N, C-alpha and C. Protein backbone atom coordinates (compact mmCIF):
# COMPACT_ATOMS: atom_id res chain seq x y z
N MET A 1 9.41 3.35 21.71
CA MET A 1 8.65 3.48 20.48
C MET A 1 7.21 3.85 20.84
N THR A 2 6.62 4.80 20.13
CA THR A 2 5.24 5.20 20.40
C THR A 2 4.29 4.19 19.79
N ASP A 3 3.03 4.24 20.21
CA ASP A 3 2.03 3.35 19.63
C ASP A 3 1.92 3.56 18.14
N ASP A 4 1.98 4.84 17.71
CA ASP A 4 1.88 5.17 16.30
C ASP A 4 3.03 4.54 15.52
N ALA A 5 4.24 4.65 16.04
CA ALA A 5 5.40 4.05 15.39
C ALA A 5 5.28 2.54 15.35
N SER A 6 4.74 1.96 16.42
CA SER A 6 4.53 0.52 16.48
C SER A 6 3.52 0.08 15.42
N ASP A 7 2.44 0.86 15.27
CA ASP A 7 1.44 0.56 14.25
C ASP A 7 2.04 0.58 12.86
N HIS A 8 2.91 1.58 12.59
CA HIS A 8 3.58 1.66 11.29
C HIS A 8 4.42 0.42 11.07
N GLY A 9 5.17 0.02 12.07
CA GLY A 9 6.03 -1.15 11.96
C GLY A 9 5.25 -2.42 11.73
N ASP A 10 4.12 -2.58 12.43
CA ASP A 10 3.27 -3.75 12.26
C ASP A 10 2.71 -3.80 10.84
N GLN A 11 2.24 -2.66 10.35
CA GLN A 11 1.67 -2.61 9.01
C GLN A 11 2.74 -2.90 7.96
N ARG A 12 3.92 -2.30 8.13
CA ARG A 12 5.01 -2.55 7.18
C ARG A 12 5.38 -4.02 7.15
N ALA A 13 5.44 -4.65 8.32
CA ALA A 13 5.79 -6.07 8.39
C ALA A 13 4.77 -6.92 7.62
N LEU A 14 3.48 -6.60 7.77
CA LEU A 14 2.45 -7.35 7.05
C LEU A 14 2.54 -7.14 5.54
N VAL A 15 2.81 -5.91 5.14
CA VAL A 15 2.93 -5.60 3.71
C VAL A 15 4.14 -6.33 3.13
N LEU A 16 5.26 -6.29 3.83
CA LEU A 16 6.46 -6.98 3.35
C LEU A 16 6.25 -8.49 3.29
N GLN A 17 5.54 -9.04 4.26
CA GLN A 17 5.24 -10.48 4.27
C GLN A 17 4.38 -10.83 3.06
N ALA A 18 3.36 -10.02 2.78
CA ALA A 18 2.49 -10.27 1.63
C ALA A 18 3.28 -10.18 0.33
N ALA A 19 4.20 -9.22 0.25
CA ALA A 19 5.03 -9.07 -0.95
C ALA A 19 5.93 -10.29 -1.13
N GLN A 20 6.48 -10.77 -0.04
CA GLN A 20 7.34 -11.96 -0.09
C GLN A 20 6.54 -13.17 -0.56
N GLU A 21 5.36 -13.35 0.02
CA GLU A 21 4.50 -14.48 -0.33
C GLU A 21 4.01 -14.40 -1.77
N SER A 22 3.91 -13.19 -2.31
CA SER A 22 3.45 -12.99 -3.69
C SER A 22 4.59 -13.09 -4.70
N GLY A 23 5.79 -13.28 -4.20
CA GLY A 23 6.93 -13.39 -5.10
C GLY A 23 7.45 -12.07 -5.62
N LEU A 24 7.09 -10.97 -4.96
CA LEU A 24 7.51 -9.65 -5.43
C LEU A 24 8.92 -9.27 -4.97
N LEU A 25 9.39 -9.90 -3.93
CA LEU A 25 10.73 -9.59 -3.42
C LEU A 25 11.69 -10.67 -3.89
N GLY A 26 12.78 -10.26 -4.41
CA GLY A 26 13.79 -11.20 -4.91
C GLY A 26 15.06 -10.43 -5.14
N PRO A 27 15.90 -10.94 -6.01
CA PRO A 27 17.15 -10.23 -6.29
C PRO A 27 16.87 -8.83 -6.85
N LYS A 28 17.63 -7.88 -6.40
CA LYS A 28 17.46 -6.49 -6.88
C LYS A 28 18.26 -6.35 -8.17
N GLN A 29 17.54 -6.27 -9.28
CA GLN A 29 18.17 -6.26 -10.59
C GLN A 29 18.05 -4.93 -11.32
N ARG A 30 17.15 -4.05 -10.88
CA ARG A 30 16.93 -2.79 -11.59
C ARG A 30 17.21 -1.61 -10.69
N THR A 31 17.70 -0.55 -11.31
CA THR A 31 17.88 0.71 -10.62
C THR A 31 16.76 1.64 -11.07
N MET A 32 16.23 2.41 -10.11
CA MET A 32 15.16 3.34 -10.43
C MET A 32 15.48 4.65 -9.74
N ALA A 33 15.35 5.73 -10.45
CA ALA A 33 15.64 7.04 -9.86
C ALA A 33 14.56 8.03 -10.27
N GLY A 34 14.41 9.06 -9.50
CA GLY A 34 13.44 10.09 -9.83
C GLY A 34 13.66 11.31 -8.95
N ARG A 35 13.03 12.39 -9.31
CA ARG A 35 13.09 13.61 -8.52
C ARG A 35 11.71 13.86 -7.94
N PHE A 36 11.69 14.17 -6.64
CA PHE A 36 10.43 14.35 -5.92
C PHE A 36 10.53 15.59 -5.06
N SER A 37 9.39 16.19 -4.75
CA SER A 37 9.41 17.36 -3.89
C SER A 37 9.81 16.94 -2.47
N GLU A 38 10.49 17.82 -1.79
CA GLU A 38 10.92 17.55 -0.42
C GLU A 38 9.70 17.32 0.48
N ALA A 39 8.63 18.10 0.25
CA ALA A 39 7.42 17.96 1.06
C ALA A 39 6.81 16.56 0.89
N LEU A 40 6.78 16.05 -0.33
CA LEU A 40 6.23 14.72 -0.58
C LEU A 40 7.05 13.65 0.13
N ILE A 41 8.35 13.74 0.03
CA ILE A 41 9.22 12.76 0.68
C ILE A 41 9.06 12.80 2.19
N GLN A 42 9.09 13.98 2.76
CA GLN A 42 8.99 14.10 4.22
C GLN A 42 7.63 13.61 4.73
N GLN A 43 6.57 13.93 4.01
CA GLN A 43 5.23 13.46 4.43
C GLN A 43 5.14 11.95 4.32
N ALA A 44 5.66 11.38 3.25
CA ALA A 44 5.63 9.92 3.07
C ALA A 44 6.44 9.23 4.17
N LYS A 45 7.58 9.81 4.52
CA LYS A 45 8.40 9.25 5.60
C LYS A 45 7.67 9.35 6.93
N ARG A 46 7.02 10.47 7.16
CA ARG A 46 6.30 10.66 8.42
C ARG A 46 5.15 9.66 8.54
N VAL A 47 4.37 9.54 7.48
CA VAL A 47 3.21 8.66 7.50
C VAL A 47 3.62 7.19 7.60
N SER A 48 4.66 6.81 6.88
CA SER A 48 5.08 5.41 6.84
C SER A 48 5.98 5.02 8.00
N GLY A 49 6.70 6.00 8.56
CA GLY A 49 7.68 5.68 9.59
C GLY A 49 8.99 5.19 9.01
N ILE A 50 9.15 5.28 7.70
CA ILE A 50 10.37 4.83 7.02
C ILE A 50 11.30 6.03 6.84
N SER A 51 12.58 5.85 7.16
CA SER A 51 13.51 6.98 7.07
C SER A 51 14.50 6.86 5.91
N VAL A 52 14.67 5.68 5.34
CA VAL A 52 15.64 5.46 4.27
C VAL A 52 14.94 5.56 2.92
N ASN A 53 15.47 6.40 2.03
CA ASN A 53 14.83 6.65 0.74
C ASN A 53 14.57 5.38 -0.07
N THR A 54 15.54 4.49 -0.16
CA THR A 54 15.38 3.26 -0.92
C THR A 54 14.27 2.40 -0.33
N ASP A 55 14.23 2.31 0.98
CA ASP A 55 13.18 1.53 1.64
C ASP A 55 11.81 2.15 1.40
N LEU A 56 11.76 3.47 1.40
CA LEU A 56 10.50 4.18 1.17
C LEU A 56 9.99 3.91 -0.25
N LEU A 57 10.86 3.98 -1.24
CA LEU A 57 10.46 3.72 -2.62
C LEU A 57 10.04 2.26 -2.79
N THR A 58 10.77 1.34 -2.19
CA THR A 58 10.41 -0.08 -2.25
C THR A 58 9.04 -0.31 -1.65
N TYR A 59 8.80 0.28 -0.48
CA TYR A 59 7.52 0.12 0.20
C TYR A 59 6.39 0.69 -0.65
N ALA A 60 6.60 1.85 -1.24
CA ALA A 60 5.58 2.47 -2.08
C ALA A 60 5.24 1.58 -3.28
N LEU A 61 6.25 1.00 -3.91
CA LEU A 61 6.02 0.11 -5.05
C LEU A 61 5.29 -1.16 -4.63
N ILE A 62 5.65 -1.70 -3.46
CA ILE A 62 4.96 -2.89 -2.95
C ILE A 62 3.49 -2.58 -2.70
N LYS A 63 3.21 -1.45 -2.05
CA LYS A 63 1.83 -1.07 -1.76
C LYS A 63 1.02 -0.96 -3.05
N LEU A 64 1.61 -0.37 -4.07
CA LEU A 64 0.92 -0.23 -5.34
C LEU A 64 0.71 -1.59 -6.00
N ALA A 65 1.72 -2.44 -5.97
CA ALA A 65 1.62 -3.76 -6.58
C ALA A 65 0.59 -4.64 -5.89
N LEU A 66 0.41 -4.45 -4.59
CA LEU A 66 -0.53 -5.26 -3.82
C LEU A 66 -1.90 -4.59 -3.67
N GLU A 67 -2.07 -3.43 -4.27
CA GLU A 67 -3.29 -2.65 -4.09
C GLU A 67 -4.53 -3.49 -4.39
N ASP A 68 -5.51 -3.36 -3.53
CA ASP A 68 -6.76 -4.11 -3.66
C ASP A 68 -7.54 -3.61 -4.87
N ASP A 69 -8.18 -4.50 -5.55
CA ASP A 69 -9.00 -4.14 -6.71
C ASP A 69 -10.48 -4.04 -6.33
N PHE A 70 -10.75 -3.62 -5.09
CA PHE A 70 -12.12 -3.52 -4.59
C PHE A 70 -13.01 -2.69 -5.51
N GLY A 71 -12.51 -1.56 -5.96
CA GLY A 71 -13.31 -0.68 -6.82
C GLY A 71 -13.74 -1.38 -8.10
N GLU A 72 -12.83 -2.07 -8.73
CA GLU A 72 -13.17 -2.79 -9.96
C GLU A 72 -14.19 -3.89 -9.69
N LYS A 73 -14.01 -4.61 -8.59
CA LYS A 73 -14.96 -5.68 -8.24
C LYS A 73 -16.34 -5.10 -7.94
N LEU A 74 -16.37 -3.98 -7.25
CA LEU A 74 -17.65 -3.36 -6.93
C LEU A 74 -18.38 -2.92 -8.19
N LEU A 75 -17.67 -2.25 -9.10
CA LEU A 75 -18.29 -1.80 -10.34
C LEU A 75 -18.77 -2.97 -11.20
N ALA A 76 -18.05 -4.08 -11.14
CA ALA A 76 -18.44 -5.26 -11.92
C ALA A 76 -19.75 -5.85 -11.43
N ARG A 77 -20.12 -5.57 -10.17
CA ARG A 77 -21.36 -6.09 -9.60
C ARG A 77 -22.57 -5.21 -9.90
N LYS A 78 -22.38 -4.11 -10.60
CA LYS A 78 -23.47 -3.19 -10.89
C LYS A 78 -24.66 -3.93 -11.48
N GLY A 79 -25.81 -3.71 -10.86
CA GLY A 79 -27.03 -4.33 -11.35
C GLY A 79 -27.29 -5.73 -10.81
N THR A 80 -26.40 -6.26 -9.97
CA THR A 80 -26.59 -7.63 -9.48
C THR A 80 -27.25 -7.69 -8.11
N VAL A 81 -27.35 -6.57 -7.41
CA VAL A 81 -28.00 -6.54 -6.10
C VAL A 81 -29.44 -6.11 -6.31
N PRO A 82 -30.39 -6.92 -5.86
CA PRO A 82 -31.82 -6.58 -6.07
C PRO A 82 -32.19 -5.25 -5.42
N LYS A 83 -33.03 -4.49 -6.12
CA LYS A 83 -33.51 -3.22 -5.58
C LYS A 83 -34.21 -3.47 -4.25
N GLY A 84 -34.00 -2.56 -3.29
CA GLY A 84 -34.63 -2.67 -1.99
C GLY A 84 -33.81 -3.44 -0.97
N THR A 85 -32.70 -4.03 -1.40
CA THR A 85 -31.88 -4.82 -0.49
C THR A 85 -31.39 -4.00 0.70
N PHE A 86 -31.05 -2.75 0.45
CA PHE A 86 -30.48 -1.91 1.50
C PHE A 86 -31.43 -0.86 2.04
N SER A 87 -32.68 -0.94 1.67
CA SER A 87 -33.65 0.05 2.16
C SER A 87 -34.61 -0.60 3.15
N ALA A 88 -35.28 0.23 3.93
CA ALA A 88 -36.23 -0.26 4.94
C ALA A 88 -37.57 -0.60 4.33
N ASP A 89 -37.75 -0.33 3.05
CA ASP A 89 -39.05 -0.57 2.39
C ASP A 89 -39.37 -2.04 2.28
């Protein structure tokens, strides 16, 4: 296994662990289907290191469900940092 493949596996393991701890993984009760471009699927498989379509879709949904809300938190802080905090003045 290459270092790159190992990195993908390590990241996937952490994401799956977070999903498990968040209660997102459980009995599979719903079927989901869609049509996607071949280029999108192949690129997603290459980047993620996942080769099985169902696993790829599951991983994509988990990543979205666990997505950080950093942007929202940052915007909510607008006006709370005193002027000059980040300048040399």
